[in-house]
PDB file of N, CA and C in Angstrom:
ATOM      1  N   MET A   1     120.517  82.779  56.231  1.00  0.00           N
ATOM      2  CA  MET A   1     120.226  83.647  57.337  1.00  0.00           C
ATOM      3  C   MET A   1     121.476  83.737  58.204  1.00  0.00           C
ATOM      4  N   ARG A   2     121.728  84.928  58.669  1.00  0.00           N
ATOM      5  CA  ARG A   2     122.867  85.159  59.558  1.00  0.00           C
ATOM      6  C   ARG A   2     122.383  85.883  60.797  1.00  0.00           C
ATOM      7  N   GLY A   3     122.933  85.517  61.907  1.00  0.00           N
ATOM      8  CA  GLY A   3     122.639  86.204  63.152  1.00  0.00           C
ATOM      9  C   GLY A   3     123.938  86.590  63.823  1.00  0.00           C
ATOM     10  N   VAL A   4     123.972  87.773  64.374  1.00  0.00           N
ATOM     11  CA  VAL A   4     125.166  88.242  65.078  1.00  0.00           C
ATOM     12  C   VAL A   4     124.736  88.698  66.466  1.00  0.00           C
ATOM     13  N   ARG A   5     125.311  88.083  67.455  1.00  0.00           N
ATOM     14  CA  ARG A   5     125.019  88.475  68.831  1.00  0.00           C
ATOM     15  C   ARG A   5     125.926  89.645  69.209  1.00  0.00           C
ATOM     16  N   CYS A   6     125.337  90.648  69.822  1.00  0.00           N
ATOM     17  CA  CYS A   6     126.098  91.818  70.263  1.00  0.00           C
ATOM     18  C   CYS A   6     126.133  91.821  71.789  1.00  0.00           C
ATOM     19  N   ASP A   7     127.268  91.444  72.343  1.00  0.00           N
ATOM     20  CA  ASP A   7     127.412  91.444  73.798  1.00  0.00           C
ATOM     21  C   ASP A   7     127.676  92.846  74.337  1.00  0.00           C
ATOM     22  N   VAL A   8     128.203  93.712  73.508  1.00  0.00           N
ATOM     23  CA  VAL A   8     128.475  95.091  73.905  1.00  0.00           C
ATOM     24  C   VAL A   8     127.739  96.004  72.926  1.00  0.00           C
ATOM     25  N   PHE A   9     126.812  96.798  73.442  1.00  0.00           N
ATOM     26  CA  PHE A   9     126.059  97.716  72.595  1.00  0.00           C
ATOM     27  C   PHE A   9     125.506  98.845  73.455  1.00  0.00           C
ATOM     28  N   THR A  10     125.145  99.913  72.801  1.00  0.00           N
ATOM     29  CA  THR A  10     124.492 101.034  73.456  1.00  0.00           C
ATOM     30  C   THR A  10     123.236 101.375  72.673  1.00  0.00           C
ATOM     31  N   VAL A  11     122.143 101.519  73.376  1.00  0.00           N
ATOM     32  CA  VAL A  11     120.873 101.908  72.767  1.00  0.00           C
ATOM     33  C   VAL A  11     120.374 103.148  73.494  1.00  0.00           C
ATOM     34  N   ALA A  12     120.088 104.166  72.728  1.00  0.00           N
ATOM     35  CA  ALA A  12     119.445 105.388  73.237  1.00  0.00           C
ATOM     36  C   ALA A  12     120.114 105.917  74.502  1.00  0.00           C
ATOM     37  N   ASP A  13     119.442 105.764  75.635  1.00  0.00           N
ATOM     38  CA  ASP A  13     119.917 106.368  76.884  1.00  0.00           C
ATOM     39  C   ASP A  13     120.844 105.445  77.683  1.00  0.00           C
ATOM     40  N   ASP A  14     121.291 104.346  77.083  1.00  0.00           N
ATOM     41  CA  ASP A  14     122.281 103.435  77.671  1.00  0.00           C
ATOM     42  C   ASP A  14     121.783 102.702  78.916  1.00  0.00           C
ATOM     43  N   LEU A  15     120.483 102.566  79.090  1.00  0.00           N
ATOM     44  CA  LEU A  15     119.971 101.797  80.219  1.00  0.00           C
ATOM     45  C   LEU A  15     120.244 100.314  79.973  1.00  0.00           C
ATOM     46  N   PRO A  16     120.616  99.572  81.007  1.00  0.00           N
ATOM     47  CA  PRO A  16     120.968  98.160  80.827  1.00  0.00           C
ATOM     48  C   PRO A  16     119.801  97.288  80.371  1.00  0.00           C
ATOM     49  N   GLN A  17     118.554  97.696  80.599  1.00  0.00           N
ATOM     50  CA  GLN A  17     117.409  96.893  80.177  1.00  0.00           C
ATOM     51  C   GLN A  17     117.030  97.114  78.707  1.00  0.00           C
ATOM     52  N   ASN A  18     117.698  98.042  78.045  1.00  0.00           N
ATOM     53  CA  ASN A  18     117.433  98.262  76.630  1.00  0.00           C
ATOM     54  C   ASN A  18     117.828  97.026  75.818  1.00  0.00           C
ATOM     55  N   ALA A  19     117.059  96.756  74.765  1.00  0.00           N
ATOM     56  CA  ALA A  19     117.343  95.645  73.865  1.00  0.00           C
ATOM     57  C   ALA A  19     116.862  96.021  72.467  1.00  0.00           C
ATOM     58  N   PHE A  20     117.364  95.296  71.475  1.00  0.00           N
ATOM     59  CA  PHE A  20     116.966  95.601  70.106  1.00  0.00           C
ATOM     60  C   PHE A  20     117.140  94.386  69.214  1.00  0.00           C
ATOM     61  N   ILE A  21     116.426  94.413  68.110  1.00  0.00           N
ATOM     62  CA  ILE A  21     116.658  93.499  66.990  1.00  0.00           C
ATOM     63  C   ILE A  21     116.740  94.374  65.750  1.00  0.00           C
ATOM     64  N   ASP A  22     117.823  94.244  65.025  1.00  0.00           N
ATOM     65  CA  ASP A  22     118.059  95.004  63.797  1.00  0.00           C
ATOM     66  C   ASP A  22     118.176  93.993  62.662  1.00  0.00           C
ATOM     67  N   LEU A  23     117.200  93.982  61.772  1.00  0.00           N
ATOM     68  CA  LEU A  23     117.143  93.007  60.693  1.00  0.00           C
ATOM     69  C   LEU A  23     117.421  93.669  59.351  1.00  0.00           C
ATOM     70  N   SER A  24     118.103  92.933  58.497  1.00  0.00           N
ATOM     71  CA  SER A  24     118.410  93.427  57.162  1.00  0.00           C
ATOM     72  C   SER A  24     118.159  92.296  56.163  1.00  0.00           C
ATOM     73  N   LEU A  25     117.399  92.581  55.121  1.00  0.00           N
ATOM     74  CA  LEU A  25     117.148  91.628  54.042  1.00  0.00           C
ATOM     75  C   LEU A  25     117.885  92.112  52.814  1.00  0.00           C
ATOM     76  N   ARG A  26     118.770  91.287  52.306  1.00  0.00           N
ATOM     77  CA  ARG A  26     119.518  91.639  51.102  1.00  0.00           C
ATOM     78  C   ARG A  26     118.919  90.886  49.922  1.00  0.00           C
ATOM     79  N   LEU A  27     118.579  91.631  48.892  1.00  0.00           N
ATOM     80  CA  LEU A  27     117.978  91.061  47.689  1.00  0.00           C
ATOM     81  C   LEU A  27     118.828  91.379  46.478  1.00  0.00           C
ATOM     82  N   GLY A  28     118.874  90.440  45.543  1.00  0.00           N
ATOM     83  CA  GLY A  28     119.512  90.725  44.272  1.00  0.00           C
ATOM     84  C   GLY A  28     118.657  91.682  43.457  1.00  0.00           C
ATOM     85  N   GLU A  29     119.272  92.285  42.472  1.00  0.00           N
ATOM     86  CA  GLU A  29     118.573  93.239  41.608  1.00  0.00           C
ATOM     87  C   GLU A  29     117.465  92.548  40.827  1.00  0.00           C
ATOM     88  N   GLY A  30     116.491  93.346  40.382  1.00  0.00           N
ATOM     89  CA  GLY A  30     115.484  92.832  39.474  1.00  0.00           C
ATOM     90  C   GLY A  30     114.057  92.881  39.980  1.00  0.00           C
ATOM     91  N   ARG A  31     113.857  93.164  41.251  1.00  0.00           N
ATOM     92  CA  ARG A  31     112.496  93.240  41.769  1.00  0.00           C
ATOM     93  C   ARG A  31     112.008  94.684  41.705  1.00  0.00           C
ATOM     94  N   SER A  32     110.736  94.838  41.456  1.00  0.00           N
ATOM     95  CA  SER A  32     110.164  96.191  41.365  1.00  0.00           C
ATOM     96  C   SER A  32     110.100  96.816  42.756  1.00  0.00           C
ATOM     97  N   GLN A  33     109.995  98.129  42.784  1.00  0.00           N
ATOM     98  CA  GLN A  33     109.852  98.851  44.049  1.00  0.00           C
ATOM     99  C   GLN A  33     108.590  98.392  44.776  1.00  0.00           C
ATOM    100  N   ASP A  34     107.512  98.179  44.017  1.00  0.00           N
ATOM    101  CA  ASP A  34     106.264  97.705  44.625  1.00  0.00           C
ATOM    102  C   ASP A  34     106.435  96.324  45.248  1.00  0.00           C
ATOM    103  N   ASP A  35     107.157  95.419  44.560  1.00  0.00           N
ATOM    104  CA  ASP A  35     107.401  94.079  45.109  1.00  0.00           C
ATOM    105  C   ASP A  35     108.227  94.159  46.386  1.00  0.00           C
ATOM    106  N   LYS A  36     109.278  94.973  46.364  1.00  0.00           N
ATOM    107  CA  LYS A  36     110.110  95.119  47.557  1.00  0.00           C
ATOM    108  C   LYS A  36     109.302  95.692  48.718  1.00  0.00           C
ATOM    109  N   LYS A  37     108.456  96.663  48.433  1.00  0.00           N
ATOM    110  CA  LYS A  37     107.615  97.270  49.473  1.00  0.00           C
ATOM    111  C   LYS A  37     106.641  96.246  50.034  1.00  0.00           C
ATOM    112  N   SER A  38     106.021  95.452  49.168  1.00  0.00           N
ATOM    113  CA  SER A  38     105.075  94.421  49.621  1.00  0.00           C
ATOM    114  C   SER A  38     105.771  93.378  50.489  1.00  0.00           C
ATOM    115  N   ILE A  39     106.957  92.939  50.044  1.00  0.00           N
ATOM    116  CA  ILE A  39     107.739  91.978  50.820  1.00  0.00           C
ATOM    117  C   ILE A  39     108.081  92.569  52.188  1.00  0.00           C
ATOM    118  N   GLY A  40     108.566  93.803  52.192  1.00  0.00           N
ATOM    119  CA  GLY A  40     108.934  94.460  53.446  1.00  0.00           C
ATOM    120  C   GLY A  40     107.753  94.631  54.377  1.00  0.00           C
ATOM    121  N   ASP A  41     106.618  95.067  53.836  1.00  0.00           N
ATOM    122  CA  ASP A  41     105.424  95.239  54.669  1.00  0.00           C
ATOM    123  C   ASP A  41     104.999  93.918  55.301  1.00  0.00           C
ATOM    124  N   ALA A  42     104.993  92.833  54.505  1.00  0.00           N
ATOM    125  CA  ALA A  42     104.568  91.526  55.019  1.00  0.00           C
ATOM    126  C   ALA A  42     105.532  91.006  56.079  1.00  0.00           C
ATOM    127  N   LEU A  43     106.843  91.109  55.812  1.00  0.00           N
ATOM    128  CA  LEU A  43     107.826  90.632  56.779  1.00  0.00           C
ATOM    129  C   LEU A  43     107.794  91.443  58.068  1.00  0.00           C
ATOM    130  N   PHE A  44     107.677  92.774  57.942  1.00  0.00           N
ATOM    131  CA  PHE A  44     107.669  93.601  59.153  1.00  0.00           C
ATOM    132  C   PHE A  44     106.416  93.329  59.978  1.00  0.00           C
ATOM    133  N   ALA A  45     105.281  93.104  59.322  1.00  0.00           N
ATOM    134  CA  ALA A  45     104.050  92.772  60.048  1.00  0.00           C
ATOM    135  C   ALA A  45     104.223  91.442  60.794  1.00  0.00           C
ATOM    136  N   ALA A  46     104.831  90.459  60.134  1.00  0.00           N
ATOM    137  CA  ALA A  46     105.070  89.164  60.788  1.00  0.00           C
ATOM    138  C   ALA A  46     106.015  89.319  61.987  1.00  0.00           C
ATOM    139  N   MET A  47     107.050  90.149  61.827  1.00  0.00           N
ATOM    140  CA  MET A  47     107.990  90.377  62.924  1.00  0.00           C
ATOM    141  C   MET A  47     107.289  91.046  64.102  1.00  0.00           C
ATOM    142  N   GLN A  48     106.422  92.019  63.805  1.00  0.00           N
ATOM    143  CA  GLN A  48     105.702  92.699  64.879  1.00  0.00           C
ATOM    144  C   GLN A  48     104.770  91.737  65.610  1.00  0.00           C
ATOM    145  N   ASP A  49     104.127  90.830  64.875  1.00  0.00           N
ATOM    146  CA  ASP A  49     103.277  89.831  65.516  1.00  0.00           C
ATOM    147  C   ASP A  49     104.109  88.915  66.415  1.00  0.00           C
ATOM    148  N   TYR A  50     105.218  88.426  65.887  1.00  0.00           N
ATOM    149  CA  TYR A  50     106.079  87.506  66.629  1.00  0.00           C
ATOM    150  C   TYR A  50     106.672  88.163  67.874  1.00  0.00           C
ATOM    151  N   LEU A  51     106.989  89.446  67.761  1.00  0.00           N
ATOM    152  CA  LEU A  51     107.638  90.184  68.856  1.00  0.00           C
ATOM    153  C   LEU A  51     106.665  91.091  69.601  1.00  0.00           C
ATOM    154  N   ALA A  52     105.380  90.753  69.568  1.00  0.00           N
ATOM    155  CA  ALA A  52     104.362  91.616  70.187  1.00  0.00           C
ATOM    156  C   ALA A  52     104.650  91.888  71.661  1.00  0.00           C
ATOM    157  N   GLU A  53     105.064  90.864  72.390  1.00  0.00           N
ATOM    158  CA  GLU A  53     105.315  91.053  73.827  1.00  0.00           C
ATOM    159  C   GLU A  53     106.484  91.999  74.098  1.00  0.00           C
ATOM    160  N   PRO A  54     107.667  91.756  73.518  1.00  0.00           N
ATOM    161  CA  PRO A  54     108.753  92.709  73.797  1.00  0.00           C
ATOM    162  C   PRO A  54     108.466  94.112  73.251  1.00  0.00           C
ATOM    163  N   LEU A  55     107.693  94.213  72.168  1.00  0.00           N
ATOM    164  CA  LEU A  55     107.384  95.532  71.624  1.00  0.00           C
ATOM    165  C   LEU A  55     106.468  96.346  72.545  1.00  0.00           C
ATOM    166  N   GLN A  56     105.839  95.682  73.502  1.00  0.00           N
ATOM    167  CA  GLN A  56     105.020  96.392  74.484  1.00  0.00           C
ATOM    168  C   GLN A  56     105.871  97.001  75.600  1.00  0.00           C
ATOM    169  N   GLN A  57     107.125  96.587  75.666  1.00  0.00           N
ATOM    170  CA  GLN A  57     108.019  97.073  76.716  1.00  0.00           C
ATOM    171  C   GLN A  57     108.679  98.382  76.277  1.00  0.00           C
ATOM    172  N   PRO A  58     108.941  99.288  77.200  1.00  0.00           N
ATOM    173  CA  PRO A  58     109.498 100.593  76.842  1.00  0.00           C
ATOM    174  C   PRO A  58     111.001 100.589  76.530  1.00  0.00           C
ATOM    175  N   HIS A  59     111.622  99.412  76.547  1.00  0.00           N
ATOM    176  CA  HIS A  59     113.071  99.355  76.338  1.00  0.00           C
ATOM    177  C   HIS A  59     113.468  98.478  75.154  1.00  0.00           C
ATOM    178  N   PHE A  60     112.542  98.251  74.225  1.00  0.00           N
ATOM    179  CA  PHE A  60     112.820  97.361  73.099  1.00  0.00           C
ATOM    180  C   PHE A  60     112.635  98.117  71.785  1.00  0.00           C
ATOM    181  N   ALA A  61     113.551  97.881  70.851  1.00  0.00           N
ATOM    182  CA  ALA A  61     113.477  98.522  69.540  1.00  0.00           C
ATOM    183  C   ALA A  61     113.603  97.455  68.443  1.00  0.00           C
ATOM    184  N   LEU A  62     112.832  97.618  67.386  1.00  0.00           N
ATOM    185  CA  LEU A  62     112.871  96.728  66.230  1.00  0.00           C
ATOM    186  C   LEU A  62     113.103  97.582  64.994  1.00  0.00           C
ATOM    187  N   SER A  63     114.080  97.190  64.182  1.00  0.00           N
ATOM    188  CA  SER A  63     114.297  97.890  62.915  1.00  0.00           C
ATOM    189  C   SER A  63     114.492  96.857  61.814  1.00  0.00           C
ATOM    190  N   PHE A  64     114.128  97.232  60.603  1.00  0.00           N
ATOM    191  CA  PHE A  64     114.192  96.337  59.453  1.00  0.00           C
ATOM    192  C   PHE A  64     114.488  97.174  58.215  1.00  0.00           C
ATOM    193  N   GLU A  65     115.381  96.673  57.384  1.00  0.00           N
ATOM    194  CA  GLU A  65     115.777  97.397  56.169  1.00  0.00           C
ATOM    195  C   GLU A  65     115.980  96.395  55.036  1.00  0.00           C
ATOM    196  N   ILE A  66     115.534  96.768  53.857  1.00  0.00           N
ATOM    197  CA  ILE A  66     115.797  95.966  52.660  1.00  0.00           C
ATOM    198  C   ILE A  66     116.913  96.650  51.884  1.00  0.00           C
ATOM    199  N   ARG A  67     117.918  95.865  51.525  1.00  0.00           N
ATOM    200  CA  ARG A  67     119.044  96.383  50.739  1.00  0.00           C
ATOM    201  C   ARG A  67     119.116  95.622  49.430  1.00  0.00           C
ATOM    202  N   GLU A  68     119.255  96.362  48.350  1.00  0.00           N
ATOM    203  CA  GLU A  68     119.394  95.734  47.045  1.00  0.00           C
ATOM    204  C   GLU A  68     120.874  95.600  46.707  1.00  0.00           C
ATOM    205  N   ILE A  69     121.263  94.400  46.337  1.00  0.00           N
ATOM    206  CA  ILE A  69     122.658  94.120  46.018  1.00  0.00           C
ATOM    207  C   ILE A  69     122.917  94.492  44.559  1.00  0.00           C
ATOM    208  N   ASN A  70     123.892  95.350  44.336  1.00  0.00           N
ATOM    209  CA  ASN A  70     124.312  95.716  42.993  1.00  0.00           C
ATOM    210  C   ASN A  70     125.223  94.599  42.481  1.00  0.00           C
ATOM    211  N   ALA A  71     124.768  93.861  41.469  1.00  0.00           N
ATOM    212  CA  ALA A  71     125.504  92.687  40.981  1.00  0.00           C
ATOM    213  C   ALA A  71     126.922  93.022  40.530  1.00  0.00           C
ATOM    214  N   SER A  72     127.120  94.206  39.967  1.00  0.00           N
ATOM    215  CA  SER A  72     128.460  94.555  39.495  1.00  0.00           C
ATOM    216  C   SER A  72     129.413  94.888  40.635  1.00  0.00           C
ATOM    217  N   LEU A  73     128.887  95.034  41.844  1.00  0.00           N
ATOM    218  CA  LEU A  73     129.719  95.337  43.011  1.00  0.00           C
ATOM    219  C   LEU A  73     129.626  94.239  44.069  1.00  0.00           C
ATOM    220  N   SER A  74     129.294  93.035  43.636  1.00  0.00           N
ATOM    221  CA  SER A  74     129.157  91.910  44.559  1.00  0.00           C
ATOM    222  C   SER A  74     129.972  90.738  44.026  1.00  0.00           C
ATOM    223  N   TRP A  75     131.019  90.369  44.730  1.00  0.00           N
ATOM    224  CA  TRP A  75     131.907  89.300  44.307  1.00  0.00           C
ATOM    225  C   TRP A  75     131.656  88.075  45.169  1.00  0.00           C
ATOM    226  N   LYS A  76     131.578  86.910  44.518  1.00  0.00           N
ATOM    227  CA  LYS A  76     131.354  85.662  45.245  1.00  0.00           C
ATOM    228  C   LYS A  76     132.154  84.553  44.586  1.00  0.00           C
ATOM    229  N   LYS A  77     132.639  83.646  45.389  1.00  0.00           N
ATOM    230  CA  LYS A  77     133.333  82.458  44.892  1.00  0.00           C
ATOM    231  C   LYS A  77     132.966  81.330  45.841  1.00  0.00           C
ATOM    232  N   ASN A  78     132.276  80.329  45.328  1.00  0.00           N
ATOM    233  CA  ASN A  78     131.915  79.202  46.187  1.00  0.00           C
ATOM    234  C   ASN A  78     131.557  77.993  45.335  1.00  0.00           C
ATOM    235  N   ALA A  79     131.472  76.868  45.976  1.00  0.00           N
ATOM    236  CA  ALA A  79     131.087  75.624  45.308  1.00  0.00           C
ATOM    237  C   ALA A  79     129.654  75.233  45.667  1.00  0.00           C
ATOM    238  N   ILE A  80     128.997  76.029  46.442  1.00  0.00           N
ATOM    239  CA  ILE A  80     127.652  75.693  46.910  1.00  0.00           C
ATOM    240  C   ILE A  80     126.620  75.826  45.795  1.00  0.00           C
ATOM    241  N   HIS A  81     126.622  76.948  45.067  1.00  0.00           N
ATOM    242  CA  HIS A  81     125.600  77.158  44.037  1.00  0.00           C
ATOM    243  C   HIS A  81     125.623  76.085  42.949  1.00  0.00           C
ATOM    244  N   PRO A  82     126.791  75.709  42.387  1.00  0.00           N
ATOM    245  CA  PRO A  82     126.774  74.624  41.399  1.00  0.00           C
ATOM    246  C   PRO A  82     126.230  73.301  41.971  1.00  0.00           C
ATOM    247  N   ARG A  83     126.548  73.010  43.212  1.00  0.00           N
ATOM    248  CA  ARG A  83     126.041  71.779  43.845  1.00  0.00           C
ATOM    249  C   ARG A  83     124.531  71.839  43.985  1.00  0.00           C
ATOM    250  N   LEU A  84     123.991  72.995  44.379  1.00  0.00           N
ATOM    251  CA  LEU A  84     122.544  73.130  44.533  1.00  0.00           C
ATOM    252  C   LEU A  84     121.810  73.040  43.205  1.00  0.00           C
ATOM    253  N   ARG A  85     122.427  73.517  42.123  1.00  0.00           N
ATOM    254  CA  ARG A  85     121.798  73.468  40.799  1.00  0.00           C
ATOM    255  C   ARG A  85     121.671  72.029  40.293  1.00  0.00           C
ATOM    256  N   GLN A  86     122.510  71.111  40.786  1.00  0.00           N
ATOM    257  CA  GLN A  86     122.449  69.718  40.362  1.00  0.00           C
ATOM    258  C   GLN A  86     121.191  69.035  40.891  1.00  0.00           C
ATOM    259  N   GLY A  87     120.636  69.611  41.946  1.00  0.00           N
ATOM    260  CA  GLY A  87     119.371  69.186  42.510  1.00  0.00           C
ATOM    261  C   GLY A  87     119.277  67.801  42.919  1.00  0.00           C
TER     262      GLY A  87
END
């Protein structure tokens, strides 16, 4: 999981009380469209429950997107995965 704090941002009409959470889930290839949709629906419902209070405010926005990683266009080099496979 990664989080990035944005100290400088503009939302809609640029009012200082505006706030947002923009979430992105990156998945490797191989899951069906139905599986991705089910995962997205469940996660977005959980996010809406968790953020019910701010979502009632007129200055809060929530967005969520699932992105599929194309394996042939994704380069990685690390020692973490082999260590984790040793279990």
